[in-house]
Protein backbone atom coordinates (compact mmCIF):
# COMPACT_ATOMS: atom_id res chain seq x y z
CA MET A 1 106.47 109.51 99.31
CA LEU A 2 105.81 106.15 97.68
CA LYS A 3 102.53 106.19 95.76
CA ILE A 4 100.52 102.99 95.35
CA PRO A 5 97.70 103.28 92.78
CA PHE A 6 94.37 101.71 93.72
CA ASN A 7 93.13 99.09 91.24
CA THR A 8 95.59 100.10 88.52
CA ASP A 9 99.35 99.89 88.13
CA LYS A 10 101.83 97.90 90.17
CA VAL A 11 104.81 99.46 91.92
CA GLU A 12 108.17 97.74 91.52
CA LEU A 13 110.83 98.13 94.21
CA ALA A 14 114.40 96.91 94.66
CA LEU A 15 115.91 96.17 98.06
CA THR A 16 119.36 97.74 97.78
CA HIS A 17 120.45 98.75 101.28
CA HIS A 18 122.91 96.17 102.61
CA LEU A 19 123.05 96.70 106.35
CA TRP A 20 125.29 95.57 109.19
CA ASN A 21 126.94 92.24 108.39
CA CYS A 22 126.16 90.80 104.96
CA VAL A 23 128.06 87.60 104.25
CA VAL A 24 125.92 87.18 101.13
CA LYS A 25 123.82 89.71 99.22
CA PRO A 26 120.98 87.97 97.36
CA GLU A 27 119.26 90.28 94.90
CA THR A 28 115.72 90.94 96.10
CA LYS A 29 112.86 92.74 94.40
CA ALA A 30 109.23 93.32 95.29
CA THR A 31 106.06 94.37 93.51
CA LEU A 32 103.19 96.09 95.31
CA SER A 33 99.61 96.66 94.26
CA MET A 34 96.38 97.63 95.99
CA ASP A 35 92.76 96.70 95.32
CA ASP A 36 89.51 96.04 97.16
CA LYS A 37 90.99 92.90 98.73
CA GLY A 38 94.04 94.61 100.18
CA LEU A 39 97.76 95.08 99.65
CA HIS A 40 99.30 92.51 97.31
CA VAL A 41 103.03 91.86 97.65
CA HIS A 42 105.23 89.75 95.37
CA PHE A 43 108.85 89.07 96.37
CA VAL A 44 111.49 87.65 94.01
CA VAL A 45 114.79 86.53 95.55
CA SER A 46 117.80 85.48 93.45
CA GLU A 47 119.11 82.77 95.74
CA SER A 48 119.88 79.08 95.27
CA ASN A 49 119.12 76.51 97.96
CA PRO A 50 117.54 78.89 100.49
CA GLN A 51 117.88 77.81 104.10
CA ILE A 52 114.64 76.34 105.44
CA THR A 53 114.33 74.93 108.95
CA ALA A 54 110.72 75.94 109.67
CA LYS A 55 108.68 73.68 107.37
CA GLU A 56 105.19 73.61 108.89
CA GLN A 57 102.95 76.47 109.99
CA GLN A 58 102.11 76.02 113.65
CA GLU A 59 100.93 77.77 116.77
CA PRO A 60 102.85 79.16 118.56
CA MET A 61 104.70 80.35 115.49
CA LEU A 62 108.27 79.40 114.69
CA MET A 63 110.59 82.34 114.15
CA VAL A 64 111.86 82.32 110.57
CA CYS A 65 114.59 84.98 110.68
CA GLN A 66 117.27 82.28 110.99
CA ASP A 67 116.03 80.90 107.67
CA SER A 68 116.25 82.64 104.33
CA ALA A 69 113.28 84.96 104.68
CA VAL A 70 111.59 88.07 103.36
CA GLU A 71 109.75 90.50 105.59
CA LEU A 72 107.04 93.11 105.20
CA PHE A 73 106.63 95.68 107.97
CA LEU A 74 103.67 98.10 107.96
CA ALA A 75 102.77 101.07 110.17
CA PHE A 76 99.52 103.01 110.41
CA PRO A 77 98.67 106.31 112.12
CA ASP A 78 96.40 106.09 115.14
CA GLU A 79 94.33 108.97 113.77
CA GLU A 80 92.81 108.70 110.30
CA PHE A 81 94.10 111.23 107.73
CA ASP A 82 97.11 112.21 109.85
CA GLU A 83 98.86 114.41 107.28
CA ASN A 84 101.88 114.79 109.57
CA PHE A 85 102.27 111.05 110.21
CA LYS A 86 105.75 110.22 111.46
CA PRO A 87 105.79 106.55 112.41
CA GLN A 88 107.58 105.65 115.60
CA LEU A 89 107.27 103.04 118.32
CA GLU A 90 104.48 103.58 120.87
CA HIS A 91 102.78 106.09 118.56
CA CYS A 92 101.52 103.94 115.70
CA LEU A 93 100.14 100.51 114.96
CA TYR A 94 102.75 98.39 113.27
CA LEU A 95 102.88 94.85 111.89
CA ASN A 96 105.77 92.57 111.03
CA ILE A 97 105.07 89.75 108.59
CA GLU A 98 108.08 87.47 108.12
CA ILE A 99 108.03 84.56 105.66
CA ASN A 100 110.68 81.99 104.80
CA ALA A 101 111.21 80.43 101.38
CA ALA A 102 108.78 77.60 102.23
CA GLY A 103 106.00 80.09 102.95
CA ILE A 104 106.08 79.64 106.75
CA CYS A 105 105.05 82.86 108.47
CA TYR A 106 105.84 84.65 111.72
CA ALA A 107 103.67 87.74 112.26
CA LYS A 108 102.62 90.07 115.07
CA HIS A 109 100.99 93.46 115.54
CA GLY A 110 100.99 96.13 118.22
CA HIS A 111 102.46 99.49 119.19
CA SER A 112 105.84 98.40 120.52
CA ARG A 113 108.28 95.56 120.03
CA LYS A 114 107.33 93.93 123.33
CA GLY A 115 103.91 92.65 124.35
CA ARG A 116 102.60 92.46 120.80
CA THR A 117 99.79 90.20 119.59
CA ALA A 118 100.57 87.19 117.42
CA PHE A 119 98.55 86.49 114.31
CA THR A 120 96.25 83.52 114.72
CA LEU A 121 96.51 80.60 112.33
CA ASP A 122 93.35 81.82 110.60
CA GLU A 123 94.85 85.29 110.19
CA ILE A 124 98.00 83.78 108.70
CA ARG A 125 95.91 81.68 106.31
CA ALA A 126 94.06 84.86 105.28
CA LEU A 127 97.39 86.24 104.01
CA ASN A 128 97.11 83.61 101.26
CA ILE A 129 100.86 83.04 101.18
CA GLN A 130 102.16 81.26 98.09
CA SER A 131 105.79 80.18 97.73
CA SER A 132 107.75 78.87 94.78
CA ILE A 133 111.37 77.67 94.63
CA SER A 134 113.36 77.06 91.44
CA ASP A 135 117.07 76.49 90.74
CA ASN A 136 118.20 80.09 91.05
CA GLU A 137 115.38 82.00 92.70
CA TRP A 138 112.39 81.79 94.97
CA THR A 139 109.24 83.85 95.23
CA ILE A 140 106.64 84.74 97.83
CA ASP A 141 103.18 86.13 97.15
CA LEU A 142 100.86 87.37 99.87
CA ILE A 143 97.95 89.71 100.42
CA VAL A 144 97.39 91.81 103.54
CA PRO A 145 93.58 91.86 103.75
CA ARG A 146 91.93 95.26 103.73
CA ASP A 147 89.30 94.15 106.25
CA PHE A 148 91.95 92.85 108.64
CA ILE A 149 93.80 96.17 108.66
CA LYS A 150 90.49 98.02 109.04
CA GLY A 151 89.77 95.96 112.14
CA LEU A 152 93.15 96.75 113.68
CA ALA A 153 93.36 100.44 112.73
CA HIS A 154 89.63 101.14 113.21
CA TYR A 155 89.43 102.87 109.84
CA ASP A 156 89.84 101.84 106.20
CA ALA A 157 93.59 102.42 105.99
CA PHE A 158 93.95 100.81 102.53
CA SER A 159 91.39 103.04 100.81
CA PRO A 160 92.41 105.90 98.47
CA ASN A 161 94.04 109.03 99.94
CA HIS A 162 95.21 107.28 103.09
CA VAL A 163 98.83 107.39 104.23
CA PHE A 164 100.71 104.57 105.91
CA ALA A 165 104.34 103.42 106.06
CA LEU A 166 106.25 100.29 105.18
CA ASN A 167 109.61 98.67 104.83
CA LEU A 168 110.66 95.50 103.04
CA TYR A 169 113.50 93.28 104.12
CA LYS A 170 115.53 90.22 103.13
CA ILE A 171 117.22 88.47 106.03
CA SER A 172 118.97 85.49 107.49
CA GLU A 173 120.58 85.59 110.93
CA THR A 174 122.40 82.27 110.35
CA LYS A 175 126.09 83.17 110.51
CA GLU A 176 127.15 81.25 107.38
CA ILE A 177 124.74 83.23 105.19
CA GLU A 178 124.01 86.21 107.46
CA HIS A 179 122.52 89.23 105.72
CA TYR A 180 120.23 92.19 106.33
CA ILE A 181 118.87 93.94 103.25
CA ALA A 182 116.25 96.69 103.25
CA TYR A 183 114.20 98.77 100.85
CA ASN A 184 114.39 101.87 103.07
CA LYS A 185 117.69 102.39 104.88
CA VAL A 186 117.80 101.68 108.63
CA ASP A 187 120.49 103.91 110.13
CA VAL A 188 121.34 102.29 113.47
CA PRO A 189 124.56 100.51 114.55
CA ALA A 190 123.13 97.06 115.33
CA PRO A 191 120.58 94.87 113.50
CA ASN A 192 117.03 96.02 114.23
CA PHE A 193 114.18 96.11 111.73
CA HIS A 194 111.56 97.05 114.34
CA LEU A 195 111.99 100.80 113.89
CA PRO A 196 108.99 102.42 112.19
CA GLU A 197 110.79 105.76 112.02
CA TYR A 198 112.83 104.27 109.17
CA PHE A 199 109.82 103.05 107.20
CA ALA A 200 108.94 104.69 103.87
CA LEU A 201 105.78 106.76 103.81
CA CYS A 202 103.17 105.57 101.28
CA LYS A 203 99.95 107.00 99.94
CA VAL A 204 97.11 105.08 98.28
CA GLU A 205 96.11 106.91 95.13
CA ALA A 206 92.70 106.69 93.46
């Protein structure tokens, strides 16, 4: 189980599982930390000239998975302190937050892949997404607000001793640079990141 300390150290992760068809394999790392504000995530991607077609945040949202993008998926048990939590569709709340190199976001939440609720523009702004692009790498910083998750889960899921699940991805579905890279391995034959059963379990530690 991945342990995320509350208000102390950061957790550094590498995305090393190259899945399905990877024409390119940009090195991708992430840093996680947790505090009173929520879950902080910092992505670093070693990639020059990332593909960007979505350049302005709008409603309805533009899908960014054709661009060079990073993704954070989260899942939460429906019952607080579920010590036997095994995330799977229809049986947990899950969120996908997808962000291209320009900081444009596509995000939804719900219990299944279909019929999910899109983030509003205000909810996307509350993620406080910051992007930076240099010659050989680009970065994304965001925060998933603690109060926002509390409102969705109906309990304080980011407080110490709570368990949730996550996965981190690097993606582009554009054929010339197609790639699917994950922190936790997704063991299915065709591209699909919307599978909470392959998320890594996490625990917030005091």
